[in-house]
PDB file of N, CA and C in Angstrom:
ATOM      1  N   MET A   1     -34.734  -9.623   7.205  1.00  0.00           N
ATOM      2  CA  MET A   1     -34.196  -8.538   6.568  1.00  0.00           C
ATOM      3  C   MET A   1     -33.060  -8.416   6.389  1.00  0.00           C
ATOM      4  N   SER A   2     -31.950  -8.379   5.290  1.00  0.00           N
ATOM      5  CA  SER A   2     -30.481  -7.777   5.123  1.00  0.00           C
ATOM      6  C   SER A   2     -30.615  -5.950   5.444  1.00  0.00           C
ATOM      7  N   GLN A   3     -29.706  -5.758   5.809  1.00  0.00           N
ATOM      8  CA  GLN A   3     -28.696  -4.844   6.317  1.00  0.00           C
ATOM      9  C   GLN A   3     -27.447  -4.412   5.402  1.00  0.00           C
ATOM     10  N   ARG A   4     -26.945  -3.303   4.843  1.00  0.00           N
ATOM     11  CA  ARG A   4     -26.236  -3.022   3.942  1.00  0.00           C
ATOM     12  C   ARG A   4     -25.482  -2.538   4.602  1.00  0.00           C
ATOM     13  N   ALA A   5     -23.903  -2.604   4.745  1.00  0.00           N
ATOM     14  CA  ALA A   5     -23.152  -2.455   4.618  1.00  0.00           C
ATOM     15  C   ALA A   5     -22.642  -1.505   4.833  1.00  0.00           C
ATOM     16  N   ARG A   6     -21.954  -0.485   6.032  1.00  0.00           N
ATOM     17  CA  ARG A   6     -21.645   0.951   5.058  1.00  0.00           C
ATOM     18  C   ARG A   6     -19.876   0.806   5.547  1.00  0.00           C
ATOM     19  N   ALA A   7     -19.568   1.538   4.677  1.00  0.00           N
ATOM     20  CA  ALA A   7     -18.013   1.568   4.815  1.00  0.00           C
ATOM     21  C   ALA A   7     -17.604   3.528   4.457  1.00  0.00           C
ATOM     22  N   ARG A   8     -16.020   3.732   5.349  1.00  0.00           N
ATOM     23  CA  ARG A   8     -16.003   5.289   5.023  1.00  0.00           C
ATOM     24  C   ARG A   8     -14.665   4.905   4.455  1.00  0.00           C
ATOM     25  N   VAL A   9     -14.264   5.854   3.258  1.00  0.00           N
ATOM     26  CA  VAL A   9     -13.395   5.357   2.223  1.00  0.00           C
ATOM     27  C   VAL A   9     -12.470   6.780   2.826  1.00  0.00           C
ATOM     28  N   VAL A  10     -10.732   6.287   2.701  1.00  0.00           N
ATOM     29  CA  VAL A  10     -10.026   7.180   3.321  1.00  0.00           C
ATOM     30  C   VAL A  10      -9.419   7.532   2.147  1.00  0.00           C
ATOM     31  N   VAL A  11      -9.158   8.793   1.401  1.00  0.00           N
ATOM     32  CA  VAL A  11      -7.547   9.075   0.564  1.00  0.00           C
ATOM     33  C   VAL A  11      -6.836   9.785   1.755  1.00  0.00           C
ATOM     34  N   ILE A  12      -5.681   9.401   1.637  1.00  0.00           N
ATOM     35  CA  ILE A  12      -4.969   9.683   2.112  1.00  0.00           C
ATOM     36  C   ILE A  12      -4.419  11.128   0.752  1.00  0.00           C
ATOM     37  N   TRP A  13      -4.348  12.541   1.483  1.00  0.00           N
ATOM     38  CA  TRP A  13      -4.887  13.515   0.605  1.00  0.00           C
ATOM     39  C   TRP A  13      -3.487  13.714  -0.050  1.00  0.00           C
ATOM     40  N   ASP A  14      -2.081  13.311   0.739  1.00  0.00           N
ATOM     41  CA  ASP A  14      -0.947  13.845   0.268  1.00  0.00           C
ATOM     42  C   ASP A  14      -0.121  12.911  -0.931  1.00  0.00           C
ATOM     43  N   ARG A  15      -1.090  11.858  -0.977  1.00  0.00           N
ATOM     44  CA  ARG A  15      -0.360  10.614  -1.678  1.00  0.00           C
ATOM     45  C   ARG A  15      -1.582  10.527  -2.971  1.00  0.00           C
ATOM     46  N   CYS A  16      -2.250  11.559  -3.207  1.00  0.00           N
ATOM     47  CA  CYS A  16      -3.628  11.521  -3.822  1.00  0.00           C
ATOM     48  C   CYS A  16      -2.443  11.418  -5.258  1.00  0.00           C
ATOM     49  N   LYS A  17      -2.183  11.055  -6.402  1.00  0.00           N
ATOM     50  CA  LYS A  17      -2.132  11.486  -7.687  1.00  0.00           C
ATOM     51  C   LYS A  17      -2.285  12.109  -8.575  1.00  0.00           C
ATOM     52  N   GLY A  18      -3.903  12.110  -8.416  1.00  0.00           N
ATOM     53  CA  GLY A  18      -4.441  13.266  -8.912  1.00  0.00           C
ATOM     54  C   GLY A  18      -5.687  12.282 -10.071  1.00  0.00           C
ATOM     55  N   CYS A  19      -5.585  10.705 -10.151  1.00  0.00           N
ATOM     56  CA  CYS A  19      -6.100   9.884 -11.339  1.00  0.00           C
ATOM     57  C   CYS A  19      -7.421   9.958 -11.762  1.00  0.00           C
ATOM     58  N   GLY A  20      -8.427  10.524 -10.984  1.00  0.00           N
ATOM     59  CA  GLY A  20      -9.761  10.587 -10.568  1.00  0.00           C
ATOM     60  C   GLY A  20     -10.359   9.106 -11.114  1.00  0.00           C
ATOM     61  N   PHE A  21      -9.586   8.230 -10.404  1.00  0.00           N
ATOM     62  CA  PHE A  21     -10.282   6.836 -10.693  1.00  0.00           C
ATOM     63  C   PHE A  21     -11.560   6.901  -9.552  1.00  0.00           C
ATOM     64  N   CYS A  22     -10.921   7.624  -8.293  1.00  0.00           N
ATOM     65  CA  CYS A  22     -12.541   7.287  -7.037  1.00  0.00           C
ATOM     66  C   CYS A  22     -13.205   8.737  -7.260  1.00  0.00           C
ATOM     67  N   ILE A  23     -13.428   9.515  -8.468  1.00  0.00           N
ATOM     68  CA  ILE A  23     -14.369  10.315  -8.732  1.00  0.00           C
ATOM     69  C   ILE A  23     -14.955   9.686  -9.838  1.00  0.00           C
ATOM     70  N   GLU A  24     -14.329   8.600 -10.866  1.00  0.00           N
ATOM     71  CA  GLU A  24     -15.149   8.437 -11.814  1.00  0.00           C
ATOM     72  C   GLU A  24     -16.310   6.992 -10.831  1.00  0.00           C
ATOM     73  N   PHE A  25     -15.093   6.297 -10.928  1.00  0.00           N
ATOM     74  CA  PHE A  25     -15.875   4.858 -10.202  1.00  0.00           C
ATOM     75  C   PHE A  25     -16.678   5.319  -8.647  1.00  0.00           C
ATOM     76  N   CYS A  26     -17.251   6.672  -8.409  1.00  0.00           N
ATOM     77  CA  CYS A  26     -18.001   6.642  -7.025  1.00  0.00           C
ATOM     78  C   CYS A  26     -19.399   6.241  -7.559  1.00  0.00           C
ATOM     79  N   PRO A  27     -20.187   5.133  -6.521  1.00  0.00           N
ATOM     80  CA  PRO A  27     -21.291   5.035  -6.466  1.00  0.00           C
ATOM     81  C   PRO A  27     -22.466   5.817  -6.011  1.00  0.00           C
ATOM     82  N   ARG A  28     -21.816   6.432  -5.247  1.00  0.00           N
ATOM     83  CA  ARG A  28     -23.023   7.898  -4.825  1.00  0.00           C
ATOM     84  C   ARG A  28     -22.724   8.995  -5.834  1.00  0.00           C
ATOM     85  N   GLY A  29     -21.235   9.273  -6.858  1.00  0.00           N
ATOM     86  CA  GLY A  29     -21.062  10.611  -7.232  1.00  0.00           C
ATOM     87  C   GLY A  29     -20.736  11.904  -6.033  1.00  0.00           C
ATOM     88  N   ILE A  30     -20.351  11.397  -5.580  1.00  0.00           N
ATOM     89  CA  ILE A  30     -20.207  12.863  -4.297  1.00  0.00           C
ATOM     90  C   ILE A  30     -18.837  13.640  -4.651  1.00  0.00           C
ATOM     91  N   LEU A  31     -18.357  12.860  -4.846  1.00  0.00           N
ATOM     92  CA  LEU A  31     -16.547  13.374  -5.182  1.00  0.00           C
ATOM     93  C   LEU A  31     -16.191  14.207  -5.859  1.00  0.00           C
ATOM     94  N   LYS A  32     -15.647  15.143  -6.554  1.00  0.00           N
ATOM     95  CA  LYS A  32     -15.057  15.804  -7.424  1.00  0.00           C
ATOM     96  C   LYS A  32     -13.538  16.341  -6.783  1.00  0.00           C
ATOM     97  N   PHE A  33     -12.940  17.190  -7.911  1.00  0.00           N
ATOM     98  CA  PHE A  33     -11.339  16.989  -8.120  1.00  0.00           C
ATOM     99  C   PHE A  33     -11.730  18.787  -7.106  1.00  0.00           C
ATOM    100  N   SER A  34     -10.435  18.971  -6.057  1.00  0.00           N
ATOM    101  CA  SER A  34     -10.226  19.929  -5.630  1.00  0.00           C
ATOM    102  C   SER A  34      -9.484  21.074  -6.255  1.00  0.00           C
ATOM    103  N   GLU A  35      -9.385  22.405  -5.478  1.00  0.00           N
ATOM    104  CA  GLU A  35      -8.789  23.629  -6.609  1.00  0.00           C
ATOM    105  C   GLU A  35      -7.907  24.133  -6.103  1.00  0.00           C
ATOM    106  N   GLU A  36      -7.402  23.412  -5.120  1.00  0.00           N
ATOM    107  CA  GLU A  36      -5.843  23.312  -4.298  1.00  0.00           C
ATOM    108  C   GLU A  36      -4.957  21.425  -5.222  1.00  0.00           C
ATOM    109  N   PHE A  37      -3.860  21.838  -4.989  1.00  0.00           N
ATOM    110  CA  PHE A  37      -2.686  21.518  -5.512  1.00  0.00           C
ATOM    111  C   PHE A  37      -2.361  20.517  -3.613  1.00  0.00           C
ATOM    112  N   ASN A  38      -1.928  19.288  -3.875  1.00  0.00           N
ATOM    113  CA  ASN A  38      -1.406  18.569  -3.056  1.00  0.00           C
ATOM    114  C   ASN A  38       0.077  18.804  -3.051  1.00  0.00           C
ATOM    115  N   GLU A  39       1.360  18.053  -2.396  1.00  0.00           N
ATOM    116  CA  GLU A  39       2.389  17.683  -1.964  1.00  0.00           C
ATOM    117  C   GLU A  39       3.289  17.776  -3.968  1.00  0.00           C
ATOM    118  N   ARG A  40       2.328  16.463  -4.200  1.00  0.00           N
ATOM    119  CA  ARG A  40       2.753  16.265  -6.049  1.00  0.00           C
ATOM    120  C   ARG A  40       2.354  16.953  -6.701  1.00  0.00           C
ATOM    121  N   GLY A  41       1.497  18.382  -6.526  1.00  0.00           N
ATOM    122  CA  GLY A  41       0.750  18.721  -7.441  1.00  0.00           C
ATOM    123  C   GLY A  41      -0.087  18.219  -8.177  1.00  0.00           C
ATOM    124  N   ALA A  42      -0.931  18.002  -7.741  1.00  0.00           N
ATOM    125  CA  ALA A  42      -2.300  16.909  -8.444  1.00  0.00           C
ATOM    126  C   ALA A  42      -3.479  18.061  -7.001  1.00  0.00           C
ATOM    127  N   HIS A  43      -4.780  17.452  -7.999  1.00  0.00           N
ATOM    128  CA  HIS A  43      -5.907  17.920  -7.503  1.00  0.00           C
ATOM    129  C   HIS A  43      -6.688  17.098  -6.664  1.00  0.00           C
ATOM    130  N   PRO A  44      -6.291  16.583  -6.097  1.00  0.00           N
ATOM    131  CA  PRO A  44      -6.791  15.365  -5.083  1.00  0.00           C
ATOM    132  C   PRO A  44      -8.365  16.128  -4.857  1.00  0.00           C
ATOM    133  N   HIS A  45      -9.279  14.803  -4.987  1.00  0.00           N
ATOM    134  CA  HIS A  45     -10.868  14.768  -4.118  1.00  0.00           C
ATOM    135  C   HIS A  45     -11.310  15.142  -3.238  1.00  0.00           C
ATOM    136  N   MET A  46     -12.190  15.833  -3.469  1.00  0.00           N
ATOM    137  CA  MET A  46     -12.993  16.455  -2.201  1.00  0.00           C
ATOM    138  C   MET A  46     -14.263  16.104  -2.146  1.00  0.00           C
ATOM    139  N   SER A  47     -14.987  15.465  -1.153  1.00  0.00           N
ATOM    140  CA  SER A  47     -16.352  15.226  -1.008  1.00  0.00           C
ATOM    141  C   SER A  47     -17.078  16.462  -0.866  1.00  0.00           C
TER     142      SER A  47
END
């Protein structure tokens, strides 16, 4: 019986440019944009 590997994705909040790729391609669909802005003026993701 095979086991699935588990991984944790970590996004550095202040480096996020708000492109939305992580949200669009999240296989579980649990990410969404934050209502807050980071240092770049982008809306980073939140889970």
